[in-house]
Every structure is written in structure tokens, then in C-alpha cells.
Amino acid sequence: MLNKNLIYAVVGASSNEEKYGYKIFKDLIEKGYRTIPINTHGDYILNQKIYRSLTEVNIKPDVVIFVVKPEITEKVLEEVEKLGIKKVWMQPGSESTRAIKYCEAKNINVTHNACVIIKNKN
């Protein structure tokens, strides 16, 4: 379950309403979660600037939610570790054995094989 006292970053947030990166970001915002959109392409989503990386954001998120291909998850996890972020959620399709093992080795709490929207219906 998510906690409204935490700040969430959605890696893979998209202004394309057909993509899960849009749907997940929108769902979290509508439910009142403090959420930061991240996508290397930049742009805007729901009147919020999409940051190109986690290091571009001036507030450190508590949790990073991945809605990207596993290769991108693996790359961004290095940034997560450097920033000292200790919780990640890998949406189905964004996880890999390598990414999960990386989190375990670096003491990063990882949730995977679960959809953040389904697990957080309220």
C-alpha cells in the first residue's frame, strides 16, 4: 500500500494518455499522492513538468515507481542508489531478475509482480 505522507517519482510518466505511465501518474495525482513525473523526453503531464531524470528534481522522492522497459529500470536504479532512495516499485513488465538482485544487494526495498493501481484502489 502507498502512503500519502511519502513523495513518489514515476519513471516513465508520459503525456500520452494511452500509456501506463500516464494512467499511473494520473491515478496517483487524483488520489492525492505527491507525485513527480520522470521521463527522459521531458514535456508536461496534467500541467506538471516532466523531469528528465531523478537528479534533475530538487526534492528527493521516497519511492520510485518504474513504468519502463527493464533495461531502463536497471540503468535508473544506479541513480536511485546514488541518491540514497531506499524504496522502489517495479510495475509488471519493468522488472528483471538483474534489477531485483541489484536492489537486494544495495539494500533497496523492492516491490514487483504487483500493479500499483490494483494494489492501491482506495
PDB file of N, CA and C in Angstrom:
ATOM      1  N   MET A   1       0.831  -1.196   0.000  1.00  0.00           N
ATOM      2  CA  MET A   1       0.000   0.000   0.000  1.00  0.00           C
ATOM      3  C   MET A   1       0.868   1.250   0.000  1.00  0.00           C
ATOM      4  N   LEU A   2       0.366   2.275  -0.622  1.00  0.00           N
ATOM      5  CA  LEU A   2       1.074   3.542  -0.662  1.00  0.00           C
ATOM      6  C   LEU A   2       0.710   4.389   0.550  1.00  0.00           C
ATOM      7  N   ASN A   3       1.557   5.371   0.828  1.00  0.00           N
ATOM      8  CA  ASN A   3       1.403   6.226   1.990  1.00  0.00           C
ATOM      9  C   ASN A   3       1.350   7.672   1.510  1.00  0.00           C
ATOM     10  N   LYS A   4       0.319   8.406   1.857  1.00  0.00           N
ATOM     11  CA  LYS A   4       0.155   9.785   1.386  1.00  0.00           C
ATOM     12  C   LYS A   4       1.160  10.756   1.990  1.00  0.00           C
ATOM     13  N   ASN A   5       1.941  10.315   2.963  1.00  0.00           N
ATOM     14  CA  ASN A   5       2.979  11.166   3.543  1.00  0.00           C
ATOM     15  C   ASN A   5       4.292  11.086   2.767  1.00  0.00           C
ATOM     16  N   LEU A   6       4.362  10.174   1.802  1.00  0.00           N
ATOM     17  CA  LEU A   6       5.587   9.983   1.029  1.00  0.00           C
ATOM     18  C   LEU A   6       5.502  10.704  -0.319  1.00  0.00           C
ATOM     19  N   ILE A   7       6.672  10.912  -0.916  1.00  0.00           N
ATOM     20  CA  ILE A   7       6.759  11.509  -2.257  1.00  0.00           C
ATOM     21  C   ILE A   7       7.146  10.396  -3.230  1.00  0.00           C
ATOM     22  N   TYR A   8       6.400  10.293  -4.315  1.00  0.00           N
ATOM     23  CA  TYR A   8       6.609   9.253  -5.315  1.00  0.00           C
ATOM     24  C   TYR A   8       7.113   9.853  -6.620  1.00  0.00           C
ATOM     25  N   ALA A   9       8.074   9.191  -7.246  1.00  0.00           N
ATOM     26  CA  ALA A   9       8.517   9.559  -8.587  1.00  0.00           C
ATOM     27  C   ALA A   9       8.066   8.447  -9.519  1.00  0.00           C
ATOM     28  N   VAL A  10       7.475   8.820 -10.654  1.00  0.00           N
ATOM     29  CA  VAL A  10       7.045   7.828 -11.640  1.00  0.00           C
ATOM     30  C   VAL A  10       7.987   7.917 -12.832  1.00  0.00           C
ATOM     31  N   VAL A  11       8.895   6.942 -12.936  1.00  0.00           N
ATOM     32  CA  VAL A  11       9.829   6.882 -14.053  1.00  0.00           C
ATOM     33  C   VAL A  11       9.103   6.222 -15.212  1.00  0.00           C
ATOM     34  N   GLY A  12       8.929   6.991 -16.274  1.00  0.00           N
ATOM     35  CA  GLY A  12       8.152   6.518 -17.421  1.00  0.00           C
ATOM     36  C   GLY A  12       6.830   7.254 -17.530  1.00  0.00           C
ATOM     37  N   ALA A  13       6.648   8.291 -16.705  1.00  0.00           N
ATOM     38  CA  ALA A  13       5.434   9.118 -16.819  1.00  0.00           C
ATOM     39  C   ALA A  13       5.375   9.655 -18.247  1.00  0.00           C
ATOM     40  N   SER A  14       4.183   9.725 -18.796  1.00  0.00           N
ATOM     41  CA  SER A  14       4.030  10.120 -20.190  1.00  0.00           C
ATOM     42  C   SER A  14       2.817  11.020 -20.367  1.00  0.00           C
ATOM     43  N   SER A  15       2.931  11.948 -21.301  1.00  0.00           N
ATOM     44  CA  SER A  15       1.786  12.797 -21.628  1.00  0.00           C
ATOM     45  C   SER A  15       0.826  12.079 -22.584  1.00  0.00           C
ATOM     46  N   ASN A  16       1.210  10.903 -23.065  1.00  0.00           N
ATOM     47  CA  ASN A  16       0.365  10.092 -23.943  1.00  0.00           C
ATOM     48  C   ASN A  16      -0.655   9.343 -23.095  1.00  0.00           C
ATOM     49  N   GLU A  17      -1.914   9.723 -23.211  1.00  0.00           N
ATOM     50  CA  GLU A  17      -2.982   9.160 -22.377  1.00  0.00           C
ATOM     51  C   GLU A  17      -3.190   7.663 -22.557  1.00  0.00           C
ATOM     52  N   GLU A  18      -2.652   7.084 -23.622  1.00  0.00           N
ATOM     53  CA  GLU A  18      -2.797   5.646 -23.867  1.00  0.00           C
ATOM     54  C   GLU A  18      -1.772   4.814 -23.098  1.00  0.00           C
ATOM     55  N   LYS A  19      -0.720   5.443 -22.610  1.00  0.00           N
ATOM     56  CA  LYS A  19       0.362   4.703 -21.968  1.00  0.00           C
ATOM     57  C   LYS A  19       0.122   4.548 -20.466  1.00  0.00           C
ATOM     58  N   TYR A  20       0.653   3.460 -19.912  1.00  0.00           N
ATOM     59  CA  TYR A  20       0.511   3.212 -18.483  1.00  0.00           C
ATOM     60  C   TYR A  20       1.223   4.267 -17.651  1.00  0.00           C
ATOM     61  N   GLY A  21       2.290   4.845 -18.187  1.00  0.00           N
ATOM     62  CA  GLY A  21       2.974   5.915 -17.478  1.00  0.00           C
ATOM     63  C   GLY A  21       2.067   7.103 -17.223  1.00  0.00           C
ATOM     64  N   TYR A  22       1.136   7.353 -18.140  1.00  0.00           N
ATOM     65  CA  TYR A  22       0.144   8.419 -17.949  1.00  0.00           C
ATOM     66  C   TYR A  22      -0.917   7.963 -16.944  1.00  0.00           C
ATOM     67  N   LYS A  23      -1.434   6.768 -17.153  1.00  0.00           N
ATOM     68  CA  LYS A  23      -2.531   6.261 -16.322  1.00  0.00           C
ATOM     69  C   LYS A  23      -2.136   6.145 -14.849  1.00  0.00           C
ATOM     70  N   ILE A  24      -0.947   5.656 -14.599  1.00  0.00           N
ATOM     71  CA  ILE A  24      -0.491   5.503 -13.218  1.00  0.00           C
ATOM     72  C   ILE A  24      -0.260   6.867 -12.579  1.00  0.00           C
ATOM     73  N   PHE A  25       0.412   7.763 -13.302  1.00  0.00           N
ATOM     74  CA  PHE A  25       0.652   9.103 -12.761  1.00  0.00           C
ATOM     75  C   PHE A  25      -0.673   9.794 -12.448  1.00  0.00           C
ATOM     76  N   LYS A  26      -1.609   9.745 -13.377  1.00  0.00           N
ATOM     77  CA  LYS A  26      -2.918  10.382 -13.198  1.00  0.00           C
ATOM     78  C   LYS A  26      -3.654   9.783 -11.998  1.00  0.00           C
ATOM     79  N   ASP A  27      -3.639   8.474 -11.876  1.00  0.00           N
ATOM     80  CA  ASP A  27      -4.308   7.803 -10.766  1.00  0.00           C
ATOM     81  C   ASP A  27      -3.740   8.265  -9.419  1.00  0.00           C
ATOM     82  N   LEU A  28      -2.433   8.344  -9.329  1.00  0.00           N
ATOM     83  CA  LEU A  28      -1.808   8.769  -8.072  1.00  0.00           C
ATOM     84  C   LEU A  28      -2.150  10.220  -7.744  1.00  0.00           C
ATOM     85  N   ILE A  29      -2.101  11.093  -8.733  1.00  0.00           N
ATOM     86  CA  ILE A  29      -2.424  12.510  -8.535  1.00  0.00           C
ATOM     87  C   ILE A  29      -3.878  12.658  -8.091  1.00  0.00           C
ATOM     88  N   GLU A  30      -4.780  11.967  -8.777  1.00  0.00           N
ATOM     89  CA  GLU A  30      -6.210  12.067  -8.448  1.00  0.00           C
ATOM     90  C   GLU A  30      -6.514  11.564  -7.043  1.00  0.00           C
ATOM     91  N   LYS A  31      -5.687  10.633  -6.541  1.00  0.00           N
ATOM     92  CA  LYS A  31      -5.897  10.103  -5.194  1.00  0.00           C
ATOM     93  C   LYS A  31      -5.163  10.916  -4.134  1.00  0.00           C
ATOM     94  N   GLY A  32      -4.519  11.995  -4.553  1.00  0.00           N
ATOM     95  CA  GLY A  32      -3.904  12.899  -3.591  1.00  0.00           C
ATOM     96  C   GLY A  32      -2.472  12.591  -3.200  1.00  0.00           C
ATOM     97  N   TYR A  33      -1.792  11.753  -3.967  1.00  0.00           N
ATOM     98  CA  TYR A  33      -0.400  11.440  -3.662  1.00  0.00           C
ATOM     99  C   TYR A  33       0.523  12.500  -4.260  1.00  0.00           C
ATOM    100  N   ARG A  34       1.572  12.843  -3.517  1.00  0.00           N
ATOM    101  CA  ARG A  34       2.584  13.771  -4.013  1.00  0.00           C
ATOM    102  C   ARG A  34       3.455  12.996  -4.993  1.00  0.00           C
ATOM    103  N   THR A  35       3.373  13.373  -6.255  1.00  0.00           N
ATOM    104  CA  THR A  35       3.969  12.572  -7.319  1.00  0.00           C
ATOM    105  C   THR A  35       4.769  13.440  -8.280  1.00  0.00           C
ATOM    106  N   ILE A  36       5.952  12.962  -8.644  1.00  0.00           N
ATOM    107  CA  ILE A  36       6.847  13.666  -9.555  1.00  0.00           C
ATOM    108  C   ILE A  36       6.987  12.828 -10.826  1.00  0.00           C
ATOM    109  N   PRO A  37       6.708  13.412 -12.004  1.00  0.00           N
ATOM    110  CA  PRO A  37       6.868  12.664 -13.253  1.00  0.00           C
ATOM    111  C   PRO A  37       8.309  12.717 -13.766  1.00  0.00           C
ATOM    112  N   ILE A  38       8.824  11.557 -14.209  1.00  0.00           N
ATOM    113  CA  ILE A  38      10.182  11.445 -14.750  1.00  0.00           C
ATOM    114  C   ILE A  38      10.108  10.752 -16.112  1.00  0.00           C
ATOM    115  N   ASN A  39      10.739  11.381 -17.111  1.00  0.00           N
ATOM    116  CA  ASN A  39      10.833  10.766 -18.440  1.00  0.00           C
ATOM    117  C   ASN A  39      11.944  11.497 -19.191  1.00  0.00           C
ATOM    118  N   THR A  40      12.841  10.777 -19.802  1.00  0.00           N
ATOM    119  CA  THR A  40      13.982  11.402 -20.482  1.00  0.00           C
ATOM    120  C   THR A  40      13.554  12.353 -21.596  1.00  0.00           C
ATOM    121  N   HIS A  41      12.330  12.242 -22.066  1.00  0.00           N
ATOM    122  CA  HIS A  41      11.834  13.114 -23.135  1.00  0.00           C
ATOM    123  C   HIS A  41      11.305  14.453 -22.614  1.00  0.00           C
ATOM    124  N   GLY A  42      11.157  14.582 -21.299  1.00  0.00           N
ATOM    125  CA  GLY A  42      10.630  15.826 -20.747  1.00  0.00           C
ATOM    126  C   GLY A  42       9.154  15.989 -21.074  1.00  0.00           C
ATOM    127  N   ASP A  43       8.697  17.221 -21.297  1.00  0.00           N
ATOM    128  CA  ASP A  43       7.320  17.555 -21.642  1.00  0.00           C
ATOM    129  C   ASP A  43       6.532  17.915 -20.375  1.00  0.00           C
ATOM    130  N   TYR A  44       5.206  17.883 -20.492  1.00  0.00           N
ATOM    131  CA  TYR A  44       4.301  18.169 -19.375  1.00  0.00           C
ATOM    132  C   TYR A  44       3.230  17.094 -19.313  1.00  0.00           C
ATOM    133  N   ILE A  45       2.744  16.829 -18.106  1.00  0.00           N
ATOM    134  CA  ILE A  45       1.659  15.883 -17.895  1.00  0.00           C
ATOM    135  C   ILE A  45       0.740  16.486 -16.834  1.00  0.00           C
ATOM    136  N   LEU A  46      -0.521  16.622 -17.166  1.00  0.00           N
ATOM    137  CA  LEU A  46      -1.508  17.170 -16.238  1.00  0.00           C
ATOM    138  C   LEU A  46      -1.004  18.473 -15.602  1.00  0.00           C
ATOM    139  N   ASN A  47      -0.477  19.345 -16.436  1.00  0.00           N
ATOM    140  CA  ASN A  47       0.040  20.660 -16.044  1.00  0.00           C
ATOM    141  C   ASN A  47       1.266  20.611 -15.145  1.00  0.00           C
ATOM    142  N   GLN A  48       1.949  19.486 -15.099  1.00  0.00           N
ATOM    143  CA  GLN A  48       3.190  19.371 -14.325  1.00  0.00           C
ATOM    144  C   GLN A  48       4.354  19.096 -15.266  1.00  0.00           C
ATOM    145  N   LYS A  49       5.473  19.724 -14.972  1.00  0.00           N
ATOM    146  CA  LYS A  49       6.684  19.493 -15.745  1.00  0.00           C
ATOM    147  C   LYS A  49       7.151  18.063 -15.536  1.00  0.00           C
ATOM    148  N   ILE A  50       7.527  17.402 -16.631  1.00  0.00           N
ATOM    149  CA  ILE A  50       8.134  16.076 -16.538  1.00  0.00           C
ATOM    150  C   ILE A  50       9.649  16.282 -16.498  1.00  0.00           C
ATOM    151  N   TYR A  51      10.272  15.829 -15.435  1.00  0.00           N
ATOM    152  CA  TYR A  51      11.727  15.947 -15.285  1.00  0.00           C
ATOM    153  C   TYR A  51      12.412  14.849 -16.098  1.00  0.00           C
ATOM    154  N   ARG A  52      13.593  15.154 -16.591  1.00  0.00           N
ATOM    155  CA  ARG A  52      14.325  14.208 -17.440  1.00  0.00           C
ATOM    156  C   ARG A  52      15.071  13.141 -16.651  1.00  0.00           C
ATOM    157  N   SER A  53      15.303  13.375 -15.372  1.00  0.00           N
ATOM    158  CA  SER A  53      15.988  12.389 -14.529  1.00  0.00           C
ATOM    159  C   SER A  53      15.661  12.662 -13.061  1.00  0.00           C
ATOM    160  N   LEU A  54      15.956  11.702 -12.221  1.00  0.00           N
ATOM    161  CA  LEU A  54      15.740  11.877 -10.784  1.00  0.00           C
ATOM    162  C   LEU A  54      16.648  12.960 -10.221  1.00  0.00           C
ATOM    163  N   THR A  55      17.846  13.090 -10.763  1.00  0.00           N
ATOM    164  CA  THR A  55      18.782  14.092 -10.245  1.00  0.00           C
ATOM    165  C   THR A  55      18.372  15.509 -10.628  1.00  0.00           C
ATOM    166  N   GLU A  56      17.499  15.658 -11.599  1.00  0.00           N
ATOM    167  CA  GLU A  56      17.017  16.980 -12.011  1.00  0.00           C
ATOM    168  C   GLU A  56      15.990  17.553 -11.026  1.00  0.00           C
ATOM    169  N   VAL A  57      15.394  16.694 -10.236  1.00  0.00           N
ATOM    170  CA  VAL A  57      14.344  17.091  -9.293  1.00  0.00           C
ATOM    171  C   VAL A  57      14.990  17.664  -8.032  1.00  0.00           C
ATOM    172  N   ASN A  58      14.453  18.759  -7.512  1.00  0.00           N
ATOM    173  CA  ASN A  58      15.050  19.375  -6.318  1.00  0.00           C
ATOM    174  C   ASN A  58      14.542  18.780  -5.007  1.00  0.00           C
ATOM    175  N   ILE A  59      13.619  17.829  -5.082  1.00  0.00           N
ATOM    176  CA  ILE A  59      13.103  17.123  -3.898  1.00  0.00           C
ATOM    177  C   ILE A  59      13.401  15.638  -4.090  1.00  0.00           C
ATOM    178  N   LYS A  60      13.973  15.016  -3.068  1.00  0.00           N
ATOM    179  CA  LYS A  60      14.263  13.586  -3.190  1.00  0.00           C
ATOM    180  C   LYS A  60      12.997  12.784  -2.926  1.00  0.00           C
ATOM    181  N   PRO A  61      12.574  11.966  -3.901  1.00  0.00           N
ATOM    182  CA  PRO A  61      11.395  11.125  -3.663  1.00  0.00           C
ATOM    183  C   PRO A  61      11.711  10.021  -2.657  1.00  0.00           C
ATOM    184  N   ASP A  62      10.669   9.574  -1.977  1.00  0.00           N
ATOM    185  CA  ASP A  62      10.812   8.465  -1.035  1.00  0.00           C
ATOM    186  C   ASP A  62      10.739   7.122  -1.743  1.00  0.00           C
ATOM    187  N   VAL A  63       9.945   7.082  -2.820  1.00  0.00           N
ATOM    188  CA  VAL A  63       9.713   5.848  -3.561  1.00  0.00           C
ATOM    189  C   VAL A  63       9.771   6.160  -5.056  1.00  0.00           C
ATOM    190  N   VAL A  64      10.415   5.270  -5.816  1.00  0.00           N
ATOM    191  CA  VAL A  64      10.441   5.400  -7.269  1.00  0.00           C
ATOM    192  C   VAL A  64       9.613   4.269  -7.859  1.00  0.00           C
ATOM    193  N   ILE A  65       8.627   4.631  -8.673  1.00  0.00           N
ATOM    194  CA  ILE A  65       7.773   3.657  -9.355  1.00  0.00           C
ATOM    195  C   ILE A  65       8.245   3.587 -10.806  1.00  0.00           C
ATOM    196  N   PHE A  66       8.570   2.391 -11.269  1.00  0.00           N
ATOM    197  CA  PHE A  66       9.060   2.201 -12.628  1.00  0.00           C
ATOM    198  C   PHE A  66       7.948   1.715 -13.552  1.00  0.00           C
ATOM    199  N   VAL A  67       7.792   2.424 -14.674  1.00  0.00           N
ATOM    200  CA  VAL A  67       6.825   2.039 -15.704  1.00  0.00           C
ATOM    201  C   VAL A  67       7.574   2.125 -17.043  1.00  0.00           C
ATOM    202  N   VAL A  68       8.687   1.406 -17.115  1.00  0.00           N
ATOM    203  CA  VAL A  68       9.574   1.447 -18.284  1.00  0.00           C
ATOM    204  C   VAL A  68      10.073   0.039 -18.584  1.00  0.00           C
ATOM    205  N   LYS A  69      10.811  -0.093 -19.662  1.00  0.00           N
ATOM    206  CA  LYS A  69      11.408  -1.383 -20.012  1.00  0.00           C
ATOM    207  C   LYS A  69      12.466  -1.749 -18.964  1.00  0.00           C
ATOM    208  N   PRO A  70      12.680  -3.047 -18.753  1.00  0.00           N
ATOM    209  CA  PRO A  70      13.650  -3.493 -17.746  1.00  0.00           C
ATOM    210  C   PRO A  70      15.044  -2.880 -17.907  1.00  0.00           C
ATOM    211  N   GLU A  71      15.484  -2.685 -19.136  1.00  0.00           N
ATOM    212  CA  GLU A  71      16.822  -2.115 -19.355  1.00  0.00           C
ATOM    213  C   GLU A  71      16.917  -0.703 -18.776  1.00  0.00           C
ATOM    214  N   ILE A  72      15.834   0.049 -18.889  1.00  0.00           N
ATOM    215  CA  ILE A  72      15.813   1.412 -18.344  1.00  0.00           C
ATOM    216  C   ILE A  72      15.744   1.360 -16.821  1.00  0.00           C
ATOM    217  N   THR A  73      14.936   0.450 -16.297  1.00  0.00           N
ATOM    218  CA  THR A  73      14.867   0.267 -14.841  1.00  0.00           C
ATOM    219  C   THR A  73      16.265   0.010 -14.293  1.00  0.00           C
ATOM    220  N   GLU A  74      16.992  -0.921 -14.929  1.00  0.00           N
ATOM    221  CA  GLU A  74      18.329  -1.282 -14.473  1.00  0.00           C
ATOM    222  C   GLU A  74      19.259  -0.065 -14.464  1.00  0.00           C
ATOM    223  N   LYS A  75      19.175   0.761 -15.486  1.00  0.00           N
ATOM    224  CA  LYS A  75      20.029   1.942 -15.578  1.00  0.00           C
ATOM    225  C   LYS A  75      19.658   2.984 -14.513  1.00  0.00           C
ATOM    226  N   VAL A  76      18.376   3.245 -14.338  1.00  0.00           N
ATOM    227  CA  VAL A  76      17.918   4.267 -13.389  1.00  0.00           C
ATOM    228  C   VAL A  76      18.157   3.826 -11.942  1.00  0.00           C
ATOM    229  N   LEU A  77      18.206   2.525 -11.695  1.00  0.00           N
ATOM    230  CA  LEU A  77      18.480   2.041 -10.338  1.00  0.00           C
ATOM    231  C   LEU A  77      19.825   2.540  -9.818  1.00  0.00           C
ATOM    232  N   GLU A  78      20.789   2.741 -10.703  1.00  0.00           N
ATOM    233  CA  GLU A  78      22.081   3.281 -10.279  1.00  0.00           C
ATOM    234  C   GLU A  78      21.897   4.703  -9.731  1.00  0.00           C
ATOM    235  N   GLU A  79      21.031   5.468 -10.370  1.00  0.00           N
ATOM    236  CA  GLU A  79      20.710   6.822  -9.909  1.00  0.00           C
ATOM    237  C   GLU A  79      19.969   6.762  -8.568  1.00  0.00           C
ATOM    238  N   VAL A  80      19.054   5.814  -8.439  1.00  0.00           N
ATOM    239  CA  VAL A  80      18.311   5.609  -7.190  1.00  0.00           C
ATOM    240  C   VAL A  80      19.291   5.373  -6.043  1.00  0.00           C
ATOM    241  N   GLU A  81      20.257   4.498  -6.278  1.00  0.00           N
ATOM    242  CA  GLU A  81      21.234   4.188  -5.227  1.00  0.00           C
ATOM    243  C   GLU A  81      22.071   5.424  -4.878  1.00  0.00           C
ATOM    244  N   LYS A  82      22.550   6.143  -5.884  1.00  0.00           N
ATOM    245  CA  LYS A  82      23.380   7.329  -5.647  1.00  0.00           C
ATOM    246  C   LYS A  82      22.634   8.390  -4.842  1.00  0.00           C
ATOM    247  N   LEU A  83      21.325   8.484  -5.051  1.00  0.00           N
ATOM    248  CA  LEU A  83      20.513   9.471  -4.343  1.00  0.00           C
ATOM    249  C   LEU A  83      20.095   8.990  -2.946  1.00  0.00           C
ATOM    250  N   GLY A  84      20.352   7.730  -2.645  1.00  0.00           N
ATOM    251  CA  GLY A  84      20.001   7.195  -1.333  1.00  0.00           C
ATOM    252  C   GLY A  84      18.528   6.874  -1.174  1.00  0.00           C
ATOM    253  N   ILE A  85      17.831   6.652  -2.275  1.00  0.00           N
ATOM    254  CA  ILE A  85      16.408   6.275  -2.229  1.00  0.00           C
ATOM    255  C   ILE A  85      16.334   4.796  -1.879  1.00  0.00           C
ATOM    256  N   LYS A  86      15.505   4.448  -0.920  1.00  0.00           N
ATOM    257  CA  LYS A  86      15.504   3.089  -0.382  1.00  0.00           C
ATOM    258  C   LYS A  86      14.270   2.254  -0.723  1.00  0.00           C
ATOM    259  N   LYS A  87      13.357   2.799  -1.547  1.00  0.00           N
ATOM    260  CA  LYS A  87      12.158   2.028  -1.912  1.00  0.00           C
ATOM    261  C   LYS A  87      11.857   2.210  -3.394  1.00  0.00           C
ATOM    262  N   VAL A  88      11.597   1.094  -4.069  1.00  0.00           N
ATOM    263  CA  VAL A  88      11.181   1.145  -5.473  1.00  0.00           C
ATOM    264  C   VAL A  88      10.026   0.180  -5.698  1.00  0.00           C
ATOM    265  N   TRP A  89       9.233   0.502  -6.703  1.00  0.00           N
ATOM    266  CA  TRP A  89       8.113  -0.356  -7.111  1.00  0.00           C
ATOM    267  C   TRP A  89       8.269  -0.564  -8.612  1.00  0.00           C
ATOM    268  N   MET A  90       8.449  -1.801  -9.020  1.00  0.00           N
ATOM    269  CA  MET A  90       8.588  -2.130 -10.438  1.00  0.00           C
ATOM    270  C   MET A  90       7.264  -2.673 -10.947  1.00  0.00           C
ATOM    271  N   GLN A  91       6.624  -1.878 -11.785  1.00  0.00           N
ATOM    272  CA  GLN A  91       5.377  -2.314 -12.397  1.00  0.00           C
ATOM    273  C   GLN A  91       5.629  -3.568 -13.231  1.00  0.00           C
ATOM    274  N   PRO A  92       4.628  -4.436 -13.382  1.00  0.00           N
ATOM    275  CA  PRO A  92       4.801  -5.607 -14.237  1.00  0.00           C
ATOM    276  C   PRO A  92       5.318  -5.192 -15.625  1.00  0.00           C
ATOM    277  N   GLY A  93       6.384  -5.861 -16.051  1.00  0.00           N
ATOM    278  CA  GLY A  93       6.997  -5.551 -17.337  1.00  0.00           C
ATOM    279  C   GLY A  93       8.203  -4.636 -17.206  1.00  0.00           C
ATOM    280  N   SER A  94       8.373  -3.990 -16.057  1.00  0.00           N
ATOM    281  CA  SER A  94       9.529  -3.118 -15.870  1.00  0.00           C
ATOM    282  C   SER A  94      10.622  -3.803 -15.044  1.00  0.00           C
ATOM    283  N   GLU A  95      10.301  -4.939 -14.465  1.00  0.00           N
ATOM    284  CA  GLU A  95      11.252  -5.631 -13.619  1.00  0.00           C
ATOM    285  C   GLU A  95      12.098  -6.618 -14.426  1.00  0.00           C
ATOM    286  N   SER A  96      13.220  -6.978 -13.851  1.00  0.00           N
ATOM    287  CA  SER A  96      14.065  -8.040 -14.384  1.00  0.00           C
ATOM    288  C   SER A  96      14.757  -8.696 -13.199  1.00  0.00           C
ATOM    289  N   THR A  97      15.235  -9.901 -13.393  1.00  0.00           N
ATOM    290  CA  THR A  97      15.968 -10.582 -12.333  1.00  0.00           C
ATOM    291  C   THR A  97      17.173  -9.744 -11.925  1.00  0.00           C
ATOM    292  N   ARG A  98      17.847  -9.176 -12.901  1.00  0.00           N
ATOM    293  CA  ARG A  98      19.023  -8.346 -12.627  1.00  0.00           C
ATOM    294  C   ARG A  98      18.652  -7.131 -11.761  1.00  0.00           C
ATOM    295  N   ALA A  99      17.548  -6.459 -12.096  1.00  0.00           N
ATOM    296  CA  ALA A  99      17.113  -5.274 -11.338  1.00  0.00           C
ATOM    297  C   ALA A  99      16.737  -5.646  -9.905  1.00  0.00           C
ATOM    298  N   ILE A 100      16.038  -6.747  -9.751  1.00  0.00           N
ATOM    299  CA  ILE A 100      15.622  -7.190  -8.414  1.00  0.00           C
ATOM    300  C   ILE A 100      16.848  -7.547  -7.572  1.00  0.00           C
ATOM    301  N   LYS A 101      17.790  -8.267  -8.165  1.00  0.00           N
ATOM    302  CA  LYS A 101      19.013  -8.642  -7.443  1.00  0.00           C
ATOM    303  C   LYS A 101      19.836  -7.409  -7.088  1.00  0.00           C
ATOM    304  N   TYR A 102      19.860  -6.429  -7.964  1.00  0.00           N
ATOM    305  CA  TYR A 102      20.574  -5.183  -7.699  1.00  0.00           C
ATOM    306  C   TYR A 102      19.997  -4.522  -6.442  1.00  0.00           C
ATOM    307  N   CYS A 103      18.678  -4.436  -6.386  1.00  0.00           N
ATOM    308  CA  CYS A 103      18.018  -3.833  -5.227  1.00  0.00           C
ATOM    309  C   CYS A 103      18.346  -4.593  -3.950  1.00  0.00           C
ATOM    310  N   GLU A 104      18.280  -5.893  -4.021  1.00  0.00           N
ATOM    311  CA  GLU A 104      18.583  -6.713  -2.845  1.00  0.00           C
ATOM    312  C   GLU A 104      20.022  -6.501  -2.388  1.00  0.00           C
ATOM    313  N   ALA A 105      20.967  -6.440  -3.323  1.00  0.00           N
ATOM    314  CA  ALA A 105      22.378  -6.254  -2.990  1.00  0.00           C
ATOM    315  C   ALA A 105      22.656  -4.870  -2.408  1.00  0.00           C
ATOM    316  N   LYS A 106      21.867  -3.880  -2.819  1.00  0.00           N
ATOM    317  CA  LYS A 106      22.084  -2.497  -2.380  1.00  0.00           C
ATOM    318  C   LYS A 106      21.157  -2.093  -1.239  1.00  0.00           C
ATOM    319  N   ASN A 107      20.423  -3.045  -0.702  1.00  0.00           N
ATOM    320  CA  ASN A 107      19.501  -2.774   0.416  1.00  0.00           C
ATOM    321  C   ASN A 107      18.388  -1.801   0.039  1.00  0.00           C
ATOM    322  N   ILE A 108      17.889  -1.942  -1.164  1.00  0.00           N
ATOM    323  CA  ILE A 108      16.762  -1.131  -1.631  1.00  0.00           C
ATOM    324  C   ILE A 108      15.524  -2.017  -1.568  1.00  0.00           C
ATOM    325  N   ASN A 109      14.513  -1.580  -0.830  1.00  0.00           N
ATOM    326  CA  ASN A 109      13.262  -2.332  -0.700  1.00  0.00           C
ATOM    327  C   ASN A 109      12.555  -2.324  -2.051  1.00  0.00           C
ATOM    328  N   VAL A 110      12.289  -3.495  -2.600  1.00  0.00           N
ATOM    329  CA  VAL A 110      11.695  -3.582  -3.939  1.00  0.00           C
ATOM    330  C   VAL A 110      10.359  -4.320  -3.908  1.00  0.00           C
ATOM    331  N   THR A 111       9.360  -3.705  -4.541  1.00  0.00           N
ATOM    332  CA  THR A 111       8.078  -4.362  -4.775  1.00  0.00           C
ATOM    333  C   THR A 111       8.001  -4.647  -6.261  1.00  0.00           C
ATOM    334  N   HIS A 112       7.605  -5.862  -6.617  1.00  0.00           N
ATOM    335  CA  HIS A 112       7.467  -6.226  -8.037  1.00  0.00           C
ATOM    336  C   HIS A 112       6.365  -7.271  -8.160  1.00  0.00           C
ATOM    337  N   ASN A 113       6.001  -7.579  -9.390  1.00  0.00           N
ATOM    338  CA  ASN A 113       4.897  -8.510  -9.657  1.00  0.00           C
ATOM    339  C   ASN A 113       3.579  -8.025  -9.058  1.00  0.00           C
ATOM    340  N   ALA A 114       3.403  -6.700  -9.000  1.00  0.00           N
ATOM    341  CA  ALA A 114       2.168  -6.125  -8.479  1.00  0.00           C
ATOM    342  C   ALA A 114       1.951  -4.769  -9.144  1.00  0.00           C
ATOM    343  N   CYS A 115       0.713  -4.505  -9.529  1.00  0.00           N
ATOM    344  CA  CYS A 115       0.358  -3.223 -10.147  1.00  0.00           C
ATOM    345  C   CYS A 115      -0.027  -2.221  -9.068  1.00  0.00           C
ATOM    346  N   VAL A 116       0.589  -1.063  -9.103  1.00  0.00           N
ATOM    347  CA  VAL A 116       0.346  -0.036  -8.093  1.00  0.00           C
ATOM    348  C   VAL A 116      -1.119   0.439  -8.097  1.00  0.00           C
ATOM    349  N   ILE A 117      -1.765   0.434  -9.238  1.00  0.00           N
ATOM    350  CA  ILE A 117      -3.167   0.850  -9.306  1.00  0.00           C
ATOM    351  C   ILE A 117      -4.077  -0.201  -8.660  1.00  0.00           C
ATOM    352  N   ILE A 118      -3.847  -1.451  -8.972  1.00  0.00           N
ATOM    353  CA  ILE A 118      -4.677  -2.529  -8.420  1.00  0.00           C
ATOM    354  C   ILE A 118      -4.461  -2.667  -6.915  1.00  0.00           C
ATOM    355  N   LYS A 119      -3.205  -2.579  -6.463  1.00  0.00           N
ATOM    356  CA  LYS A 119      -2.899  -2.714  -5.037  1.00  0.00           C
ATOM    357  C   LYS A 119      -3.356  -1.516  -4.216  1.00  0.00           C
ATOM    358  N   ASN A 120      -3.635  -0.410  -4.886  1.00  0.00           N
ATOM    359  CA  ASN A 120      -3.948   0.835  -4.184  1.00  0.00           C
ATOM    360  C   ASN A 120      -5.274   1.407  -4.668  1.00  0.00           C
ATOM    361  N   LYS A 121      -6.324   0.614  -4.579  1.00  0.00           N
ATOM    362  CA  LYS A 121      -7.621   1.002  -5.139  1.00  0.00           C
ATOM    363  C   LYS A 121      -8.314   2.160  -4.423  1.00  0.00           C
ATOM    364  N   ASN A 122      -8.012   2.435  -3.152  1.00  0.00           N
ATOM    365  CA  ASN A 122      -8.742   3.499  -2.456  1.00  0.00           C
ATOM    366  C   ASN A 122      -8.217   4.846  -2.781  1.00  0.00           C
TER     367      ASN A 122
END
